[in-house]
Amino acid sequence: MRAGLLLAAGLVLAGASAPGTPGVYDAEQAHVDYMLKCQGCHRPDGSGDEQSSPPLHDMVARFLTVPGGREFLGRVPGVATANLDDRRLANLLNWTLYRFDPAHVPTGFRPYTAEELRTLRQDPLRLDRVAMRARLVAGFAR
């Protein structure tokens, strides 16, 4: 048990993906990126608010369970227009899913890649994001 904890801690400190976090190559960098790019609106604990910055906590991975939800997460303004390169953004998005909503990450989840985000970011959501989010959330299993 102790050896497993030391291994996991070492992986995180070394910037490697810890077991159970596919697609996260540097958890420490993802956390810093979240603090700099996301938490001002979504708050440090991912609680957000229902008016302008929706909650991530116990919510964000649910988008992966509905048609169009995966693409939605890559096209929302804060993701699509973040001034991070595609690889670092994939690291951050994958980290966010596991950090704020691990219980809803689907079995067999395919992590976001730099290539996928490069494509999704070419068509960012703007005014239609609110209606699209509402439609996707309505499709979540209760």
N, C-alpha and C. Protein backbone atom coordinates (compact mmCIF):
# COMPACT_ATOMS: atom_id res chain seq x y z
N MET A 1 0.83 -1.19 0.00
CA MET A 1 0.00 0.00 0.00
C MET A 1 0.87 1.25 0.00
N ARG A 2 1.83 1.28 0.92
CA ARG A 2 2.72 2.44 1.03
C ARG A 2 3.52 2.62 -0.26
N ALA A 3 3.98 1.53 -0.85
CA ALA A 3 4.75 1.61 -2.09
C ALA A 3 3.88 2.17 -3.22
N GLY A 4 2.61 1.77 -3.27
CA GLY A 4 1.70 2.29 -4.30
C GLY A 4 1.48 3.77 -4.16
N LEU A 5 1.32 4.23 -2.93
CA LEU A 5 1.15 5.67 -2.69
C LEU A 5 2.40 6.44 -3.08
N LEU A 6 3.56 5.89 -2.74
CA LEU A 6 4.80 6.56 -3.11
C LEU A 6 4.98 6.61 -4.62
N LEU A 7 4.61 5.53 -5.31
CA LEU A 7 4.69 5.51 -6.77
C LEU A 7 3.79 6.55 -7.38
N ALA A 8 2.53 6.62 -6.92
CA ALA A 8 1.59 7.61 -7.45
C ALA A 8 2.08 9.02 -7.18
N ALA A 9 2.58 9.28 -5.98
CA ALA A 9 3.10 10.61 -5.65
C ALA A 9 4.29 10.95 -6.54
N GLY A 10 5.15 9.97 -6.76
CA GLY A 10 6.31 10.20 -7.62
C GLY A 10 5.91 10.51 -9.06
N LEU A 11 4.89 9.82 -9.57
CA LEU A 11 4.42 10.08 -10.92
C LEU A 11 3.88 11.50 -11.05
N VAL A 12 3.11 11.93 -10.06
CA VAL A 12 2.56 13.29 -10.11
C VAL A 12 3.68 14.32 -10.04
N LEU A 13 4.62 14.12 -9.12
CA LEU A 13 5.72 15.07 -8.98
C LEU A 13 6.59 15.09 -10.23
N ALA A 14 6.71 13.95 -10.89
CA ALA A 14 7.52 13.89 -12.11
C ALA A 14 6.77 14.40 -13.32
N GLY A 15 5.50 14.70 -13.15
CA GLY A 15 4.71 15.21 -14.27
C GLY A 15 4.14 14.12 -15.15
N ALA A 16 4.16 12.88 -14.68
CA ALA A 16 3.64 11.77 -15.46
C ALA A 16 2.18 11.55 -15.12
N SER A 17 1.52 10.81 -15.97
CA SER A 17 0.12 10.47 -15.72
C SER A 17 0.06 9.45 -14.60
N ALA A 18 -0.71 9.75 -13.57
CA ALA A 18 -0.90 8.80 -12.48
C ALA A 18 -1.94 7.78 -12.92
N PRO A 19 -1.92 6.59 -12.32
CA PRO A 19 -2.93 5.59 -12.66
C PRO A 19 -4.34 6.18 -12.47
N GLY A 20 -5.23 5.92 -13.42
CA GLY A 20 -6.59 6.41 -13.31
C GLY A 20 -6.82 7.78 -13.92
N THR A 21 -5.80 8.35 -14.53
CA THR A 21 -5.97 9.66 -15.16
C THR A 21 -5.46 9.63 -16.60
N PRO A 22 -6.09 8.83 -17.44
CA PRO A 22 -5.66 8.77 -18.85
C PRO A 22 -5.71 10.14 -19.51
N GLY A 23 -4.70 10.42 -20.28
CA GLY A 23 -4.64 11.68 -21.02
C GLY A 23 -4.06 12.83 -20.23
N VAL A 24 -3.74 12.61 -18.96
CA VAL A 24 -3.13 13.65 -18.14
C VAL A 24 -1.64 13.34 -18.06
N TYR A 25 -0.85 14.06 -18.84
CA TYR A 25 0.58 13.79 -18.83
C TYR A 25 1.31 14.62 -17.79
N ASP A 26 0.67 15.69 -17.29
CA ASP A 26 1.31 16.52 -16.28
C ASP A 26 0.22 17.15 -15.40
N ALA A 27 -0.11 16.45 -14.32
CA ALA A 27 -1.18 16.90 -13.43
C ALA A 27 -0.85 18.24 -12.77
N GLU A 28 0.39 18.43 -12.42
CA GLU A 28 0.78 19.70 -11.79
C GLU A 28 0.58 20.88 -12.74
N GLN A 29 0.99 20.72 -14.00
CA GLN A 29 0.79 21.78 -14.99
C GLN A 29 -0.70 22.02 -15.23
N ALA A 30 -1.48 20.95 -15.29
CA ALA A 30 -2.92 21.10 -15.49
C ALA A 30 -3.54 21.89 -14.34
N HIS A 31 -3.12 21.60 -13.12
CA HIS A 31 -3.65 22.33 -11.97
C HIS A 31 -3.29 23.82 -12.05
N VAL A 32 -2.06 24.12 -12.41
CA VAL A 32 -1.65 25.52 -12.57
C VAL A 32 -2.46 26.17 -13.69
N ASP A 33 -2.62 25.48 -14.81
CA ASP A 33 -3.40 26.03 -15.92
C ASP A 33 -4.84 26.27 -15.49
N TYR A 34 -5.41 25.36 -14.71
CA TYR A 34 -6.77 25.57 -14.21
C TYR A 34 -6.82 26.84 -13.35
N MET A 35 -5.86 27.00 -12.47
CA MET A 35 -5.85 28.18 -11.61
C MET A 35 -5.76 29.46 -12.43
N LEU A 36 -4.95 29.44 -13.48
CA LEU A 36 -4.74 30.64 -14.29
C LEU A 36 -5.84 30.90 -15.32
N LYS A 37 -6.43 29.86 -15.85
CA LYS A 37 -7.35 30.01 -16.98
C LYS A 37 -8.82 29.75 -16.66
N CYS A 38 -9.10 29.03 -15.58
CA CYS A 38 -10.47 28.57 -15.35
C CYS A 38 -11.08 28.98 -14.01
N GLN A 39 -10.29 28.93 -12.95
CA GLN A 39 -10.89 29.07 -11.63
C GLN A 39 -11.42 30.47 -11.34
N GLY A 40 -11.00 31.47 -12.08
CA GLY A 40 -11.55 32.80 -11.87
C GLY A 40 -13.06 32.83 -12.07
N CYS A 41 -13.56 32.00 -12.97
CA CYS A 41 -15.00 31.92 -13.23
C CYS A 41 -15.62 30.66 -12.61
N HIS A 42 -14.96 29.52 -12.78
CA HIS A 42 -15.52 28.25 -12.31
C HIS A 42 -15.20 27.97 -10.84
N ARG A 43 -14.41 28.84 -10.22
CA ARG A 43 -14.03 28.77 -8.80
C ARG A 43 -13.05 27.64 -8.54
N PRO A 44 -12.25 27.78 -7.50
CA PRO A 44 -11.24 26.75 -7.20
C PRO A 44 -11.81 25.34 -7.02
N ASP A 45 -13.02 25.25 -6.48
CA ASP A 45 -13.62 23.94 -6.24
C ASP A 45 -14.50 23.45 -7.39
N GLY A 46 -14.56 24.22 -8.47
CA GLY A 46 -15.36 23.83 -9.63
C GLY A 46 -16.85 24.05 -9.46
N SER A 47 -17.25 24.79 -8.42
CA SER A 47 -18.68 24.97 -8.16
C SER A 47 -19.35 25.94 -9.12
N GLY A 48 -18.60 26.87 -9.71
CA GLY A 48 -19.16 27.80 -10.69
C GLY A 48 -20.44 28.44 -10.22
N ASP A 49 -21.29 28.81 -11.16
CA ASP A 49 -22.61 29.33 -10.85
C ASP A 49 -23.51 29.02 -12.05
N GLU A 50 -24.77 29.07 -11.88
CA GLU A 50 -25.70 28.69 -12.95
C GLU A 50 -25.93 29.82 -13.97
N GLN A 51 -25.46 31.02 -13.69
CA GLN A 51 -25.73 32.13 -14.60
C GLN A 51 -24.66 32.28 -15.69
N SER A 52 -23.41 32.35 -15.30
CA SER A 52 -22.39 32.66 -16.31
C SER A 52 -21.29 31.62 -16.45
N SER A 53 -20.97 30.92 -15.39
CA SER A 53 -19.90 29.92 -15.40
C SER A 53 -20.40 28.64 -14.76
N PRO A 54 -21.00 27.77 -15.53
CA PRO A 54 -21.64 26.57 -14.98
C PRO A 54 -20.69 25.74 -14.13
N PRO A 55 -21.26 25.01 -13.19
CA PRO A 55 -20.44 24.16 -12.32
C PRO A 55 -19.75 23.04 -13.10
N LEU A 56 -18.58 22.69 -12.65
CA LEU A 56 -17.84 21.55 -13.17
C LEU A 56 -17.98 20.36 -12.22
N HIS A 57 -18.02 20.68 -10.92
CA HIS A 57 -18.05 19.67 -9.86
C HIS A 57 -19.30 18.78 -10.01
N ASP A 58 -19.07 17.47 -10.09
CA ASP A 58 -20.15 16.48 -10.24
C ASP A 58 -21.02 16.71 -11.48
N MET A 59 -20.46 17.35 -12.50
CA MET A 59 -21.27 17.70 -13.68
C MET A 59 -20.51 17.50 -14.99
N VAL A 60 -19.25 17.94 -15.06
CA VAL A 60 -18.57 18.10 -16.34
C VAL A 60 -18.44 16.79 -17.13
N ALA A 61 -18.16 15.68 -16.48
CA ALA A 61 -17.98 14.43 -17.21
C ALA A 61 -19.30 13.86 -17.72
N ARG A 62 -20.41 14.34 -17.20
CA ARG A 62 -21.71 13.88 -17.70
C ARG A 62 -21.90 14.25 -19.16
N PHE A 63 -21.24 15.30 -19.61
CA PHE A 63 -21.36 15.68 -21.02
C PHE A 63 -20.84 14.58 -21.94
N LEU A 64 -19.93 13.76 -21.44
CA LEU A 64 -19.38 12.68 -22.24
C LEU A 64 -20.38 11.56 -22.47
N THR A 65 -21.52 11.61 -21.78
CA THR A 65 -22.51 10.54 -21.86
C THR A 65 -23.66 10.83 -22.81
N VAL A 66 -23.67 12.01 -23.42
CA VAL A 66 -24.76 12.37 -24.33
C VAL A 66 -24.19 12.71 -25.71
N PRO A 67 -24.93 12.41 -26.77
CA PRO A 67 -24.47 12.75 -28.11
C PRO A 67 -24.18 14.25 -28.23
N GLY A 68 -23.01 14.58 -28.73
CA GLY A 68 -22.61 15.97 -28.91
C GLY A 68 -21.95 16.58 -27.70
N GLY A 69 -21.99 15.90 -26.56
CA GLY A 69 -21.42 16.46 -25.34
C GLY A 69 -19.91 16.55 -25.36
N ARG A 70 -19.28 15.55 -25.91
CA ARG A 70 -17.81 15.56 -25.99
C ARG A 70 -17.35 16.75 -26.82
N GLU A 71 -17.98 16.95 -27.94
CA GLU A 71 -17.62 18.06 -28.82
C GLU A 71 -17.92 19.40 -28.14
N PHE A 72 -19.03 19.47 -27.42
CA PHE A 72 -19.40 20.68 -26.69
C PHE A 72 -18.27 21.12 -25.76
N LEU A 73 -17.71 20.19 -25.00
CA LEU A 73 -16.65 20.56 -24.05
C LEU A 73 -15.43 21.14 -24.75
N GLY A 74 -15.14 20.71 -25.94
CA GLY A 74 -14.01 21.24 -26.68
C GLY A 74 -14.29 22.54 -27.41
N ARG A 75 -15.58 22.91 -27.49
CA ARG A 75 -15.96 24.11 -28.25
C ARG A 75 -16.44 25.26 -27.38
N VAL A 76 -16.66 25.03 -26.06
CA VAL A 76 -17.12 26.13 -25.21
C VAL A 76 -16.07 27.23 -25.23
N PRO A 77 -16.49 28.48 -25.11
CA PRO A 77 -15.55 29.60 -25.27
C PRO A 77 -14.30 29.52 -24.41
N GLY A 78 -14.43 29.16 -23.13
CA GLY A 78 -13.27 29.13 -22.26
C GLY A 78 -12.25 28.08 -22.66
N VAL A 79 -12.69 27.04 -23.32
CA VAL A 79 -11.78 26.00 -23.79
C VAL A 79 -11.26 26.36 -25.18
N ALA A 80 -12.17 26.61 -26.09
CA ALA A 80 -11.78 26.84 -27.49
C ALA A 80 -10.87 28.04 -27.68
N THR A 81 -11.03 29.05 -26.84
CA THR A 81 -10.23 30.27 -27.03
C THR A 81 -9.11 30.43 -26.01
N ALA A 82 -8.89 29.42 -25.18
CA ALA A 82 -7.81 29.50 -24.19
C ALA A 82 -6.46 29.65 -24.89
N ASN A 83 -5.64 30.51 -24.37
CA ASN A 83 -4.33 30.70 -24.99
C ASN A 83 -3.32 29.67 -24.46
N LEU A 84 -3.64 28.41 -24.74
CA LEU A 84 -2.78 27.27 -24.46
C LEU A 84 -2.64 26.49 -25.76
N ASP A 85 -1.52 25.84 -25.95
CA ASP A 85 -1.41 25.01 -27.15
C ASP A 85 -2.32 23.80 -26.99
N ASP A 86 -2.60 23.13 -28.09
CA ASP A 86 -3.58 22.05 -28.10
C ASP A 86 -3.22 20.89 -27.17
N ARG A 87 -1.95 20.56 -27.07
CA ARG A 87 -1.52 19.45 -26.20
C ARG A 87 -1.75 19.81 -24.74
N ARG A 88 -1.37 21.00 -24.36
CA ARG A 88 -1.54 21.44 -22.98
C ARG A 88 -3.03 21.58 -22.64
N LEU A 89 -3.82 22.01 -23.61
CA LEU A 89 -5.25 22.13 -23.39
C LEU A 89 -5.88 20.75 -23.21
N ALA A 90 -5.45 19.76 -23.98
CA ALA A 90 -5.96 18.40 -23.81
C ALA A 90 -5.61 17.89 -22.41
N ASN A 91 -4.40 18.14 -21.96
CA ASN A 91 -3.99 17.77 -20.61
C ASN A 91 -4.92 18.41 -19.57
N LEU A 92 -5.19 19.69 -19.73
CA LEU A 92 -6.06 20.42 -18.80
C LEU A 92 -7.49 19.88 -18.83
N LEU A 93 -8.04 19.67 -20.00
CA LEU A 93 -9.42 19.19 -20.10
C LEU A 93 -9.56 17.79 -19.50
N ASN A 94 -8.62 16.91 -19.81
CA ASN A 94 -8.66 15.57 -19.24
C ASN A 94 -8.52 15.62 -17.71
N TRP A 95 -7.62 16.45 -17.22
CA TRP A 95 -7.43 16.62 -15.77
C TRP A 95 -8.71 17.13 -15.12
N THR A 96 -9.36 18.09 -15.76
CA THR A 96 -10.59 18.68 -15.23
C THR A 96 -11.67 17.62 -15.05
N LEU A 97 -11.80 16.74 -16.01
CA LEU A 97 -12.80 15.68 -15.92
C LEU A 97 -12.56 14.80 -14.70
N TYR A 98 -11.31 14.40 -14.49
CA TYR A 98 -10.98 13.53 -13.37
C TYR A 98 -10.95 14.27 -12.04
N ARG A 99 -10.60 15.52 -12.06
CA ARG A 99 -10.53 16.31 -10.82
C ARG A 99 -11.91 16.65 -10.28
N PHE A 100 -12.83 17.05 -11.15
CA PHE A 100 -14.11 17.56 -10.69
C PHE A 100 -15.28 16.60 -10.83
N ASP A 101 -15.12 15.54 -11.62
CA ASP A 101 -16.26 14.63 -11.82
C ASP A 101 -15.83 13.20 -12.13
N PRO A 102 -14.94 12.64 -11.33
CA PRO A 102 -14.45 11.29 -11.64
C PRO A 102 -15.54 10.23 -11.65
N ALA A 103 -16.58 10.40 -10.87
CA ALA A 103 -17.64 9.39 -10.80
C ALA A 103 -18.42 9.25 -12.10
N HIS A 104 -18.40 10.29 -12.94
CA HIS A 104 -19.16 10.24 -14.18
C HIS A 104 -18.30 10.06 -15.43
N VAL A 105 -16.99 9.89 -15.25
CA VAL A 105 -16.15 9.60 -16.43
C VAL A 105 -16.55 8.21 -16.90
N PRO A 106 -17.02 8.10 -18.15
CA PRO A 106 -17.52 6.81 -18.62
C PRO A 106 -16.43 5.73 -18.68
N THR A 107 -16.84 4.52 -18.46
CA THR A 107 -15.94 3.38 -18.64
C THR A 107 -15.45 3.40 -20.09
N GLY A 108 -14.19 3.20 -20.29
CA GLY A 108 -13.63 3.20 -21.64
C GLY A 108 -13.42 4.60 -22.20
N PHE A 109 -13.45 5.61 -21.34
CA PHE A 109 -13.24 6.99 -21.78
C PHE A 109 -11.99 7.10 -22.64
N ARG A 110 -12.13 7.74 -23.78
CA ARG A 110 -11.02 8.01 -24.69
C ARG A 110 -10.59 9.45 -24.42
N PRO A 111 -9.40 9.66 -23.86
CA PRO A 111 -8.96 11.01 -23.52
C PRO A 111 -8.92 11.93 -24.74
N TYR A 112 -9.16 13.20 -24.47
CA TYR A 112 -9.00 14.21 -25.52
C TYR A 112 -7.54 14.23 -25.95
N THR A 113 -7.34 14.48 -27.23
CA THR A 113 -5.98 14.60 -27.77
C THR A 113 -5.79 16.00 -28.33
N ALA A 114 -4.54 16.35 -28.54
CA ALA A 114 -4.23 17.65 -29.14
C ALA A 114 -4.88 17.77 -30.51
N GLU A 115 -4.86 16.71 -31.30
CA GLU A 115 -5.43 16.75 -32.65
C GLU A 115 -6.93 16.99 -32.60
N GLU A 116 -7.62 16.31 -31.69
CA GLU A 116 -9.06 16.49 -31.57
C GLU A 116 -9.39 17.93 -31.17
N LEU A 117 -8.68 18.46 -30.19
CA LEU A 117 -8.96 19.83 -29.75
C LEU A 117 -8.62 20.85 -30.82
N ARG A 118 -7.59 20.59 -31.59
CA ARG A 118 -7.24 21.50 -32.69
C ARG A 118 -8.44 21.63 -33.64
N THR A 119 -9.09 20.52 -33.93
CA THR A 119 -10.27 20.53 -34.81
C THR A 119 -11.46 21.22 -34.15
N LEU A 120 -11.76 20.86 -32.91
CA LEU A 120 -12.92 21.44 -32.22
C LEU A 120 -12.78 22.94 -32.02
N ARG A 121 -11.57 23.40 -31.76
CA ARG A 121 -11.34 24.83 -31.50
C ARG A 121 -11.55 25.70 -32.74
N GLN A 122 -11.60 25.09 -33.90
CA GLN A 122 -11.81 25.85 -35.13
C GLN A 122 -13.25 26.34 -35.26
N ASP A 123 -14.14 25.78 -34.45
CA ASP A 123 -15.56 26.16 -34.51
C ASP A 123 -16.08 26.41 -33.09
N PRO A 124 -15.57 27.46 -32.42
CA PRO A 124 -15.99 27.71 -31.04
C PRO A 124 -17.45 28.10 -30.94
N LEU A 125 -18.06 27.74 -29.84
CA LEU A 125 -19.44 28.14 -29.57
C LEU A 125 -19.44 29.58 -29.09
N ARG A 126 -20.47 30.28 -29.41
CA ARG A 126 -20.63 31.67 -28.95
C ARG A 126 -21.99 31.78 -28.27
N LEU A 127 -22.89 32.51 -28.88
CA LEU A 127 -24.20 32.75 -28.28
C LEU A 127 -25.03 31.47 -28.14
N ASP A 128 -24.79 30.51 -29.01
CA ASP A 128 -25.57 29.28 -28.98
C ASP A 128 -25.16 28.32 -27.86
N ARG A 129 -24.13 28.67 -27.11
CA ARG A 129 -23.64 27.75 -26.08
C ARG A 129 -24.66 27.51 -24.97
N VAL A 130 -25.44 28.51 -24.59
CA VAL A 130 -26.40 28.37 -23.50
C VAL A 130 -27.51 27.39 -23.88
N ALA A 131 -28.08 27.57 -25.05
CA ALA A 131 -29.15 26.67 -25.50
C ALA A 131 -28.61 25.26 -25.72
N MET A 132 -27.42 25.15 -26.27
CA MET A 132 -26.84 23.83 -26.50
C MET A 132 -26.57 23.13 -25.18
N ARG A 133 -26.03 23.86 -24.22
CA ARG A 133 -25.77 23.27 -22.90
C ARG A 133 -27.07 22.77 -22.27
N ALA A 134 -28.11 23.58 -22.33
CA ALA A 134 -29.39 23.20 -21.74
C ALA A 134 -29.93 21.92 -22.41
N ARG A 135 -29.80 21.82 -23.71
CA ARG A 135 -30.28 20.65 -24.44
C ARG A 135 -29.48 19.40 -24.02
N LEU A 136 -28.17 19.55 -23.89
CA LEU A 136 -27.33 18.42 -23.49
C LEU A 136 -27.63 17.99 -22.06
N VAL A 137 -27.73 18.96 -21.16
CA VAL A 137 -28.02 18.64 -19.75
C VAL A 137 -29.36 17.92 -19.62
N ALA A 138 -30.34 18.30 -20.44
CA ALA A 138 -31.65 17.63 -20.40
C ALA A 138 -31.53 16.16 -20.77
N GLY A 139 -30.47 15.80 -21.48
CA GLY A 139 -30.26 14.41 -21.88
C GLY A 139 -29.48 13.58 -20.87
N PHE A 140 -28.99 14.20 -19.79
CA PHE A 140 -28.25 13.46 -18.78
C PHE A 140 -29.18 12.46 -18.09
N ALA A 141 -28.63 11.28 -17.78
CA ALA A 141 -29.38 10.31 -16.97
C ALA A 141 -29.53 10.87 -15.57
N ARG A 142 -30.66 10.74 -15.01
CA ARG A 142 -30.90 11.28 -13.65
C ARG A 142 -30.64 10.25 -12.60
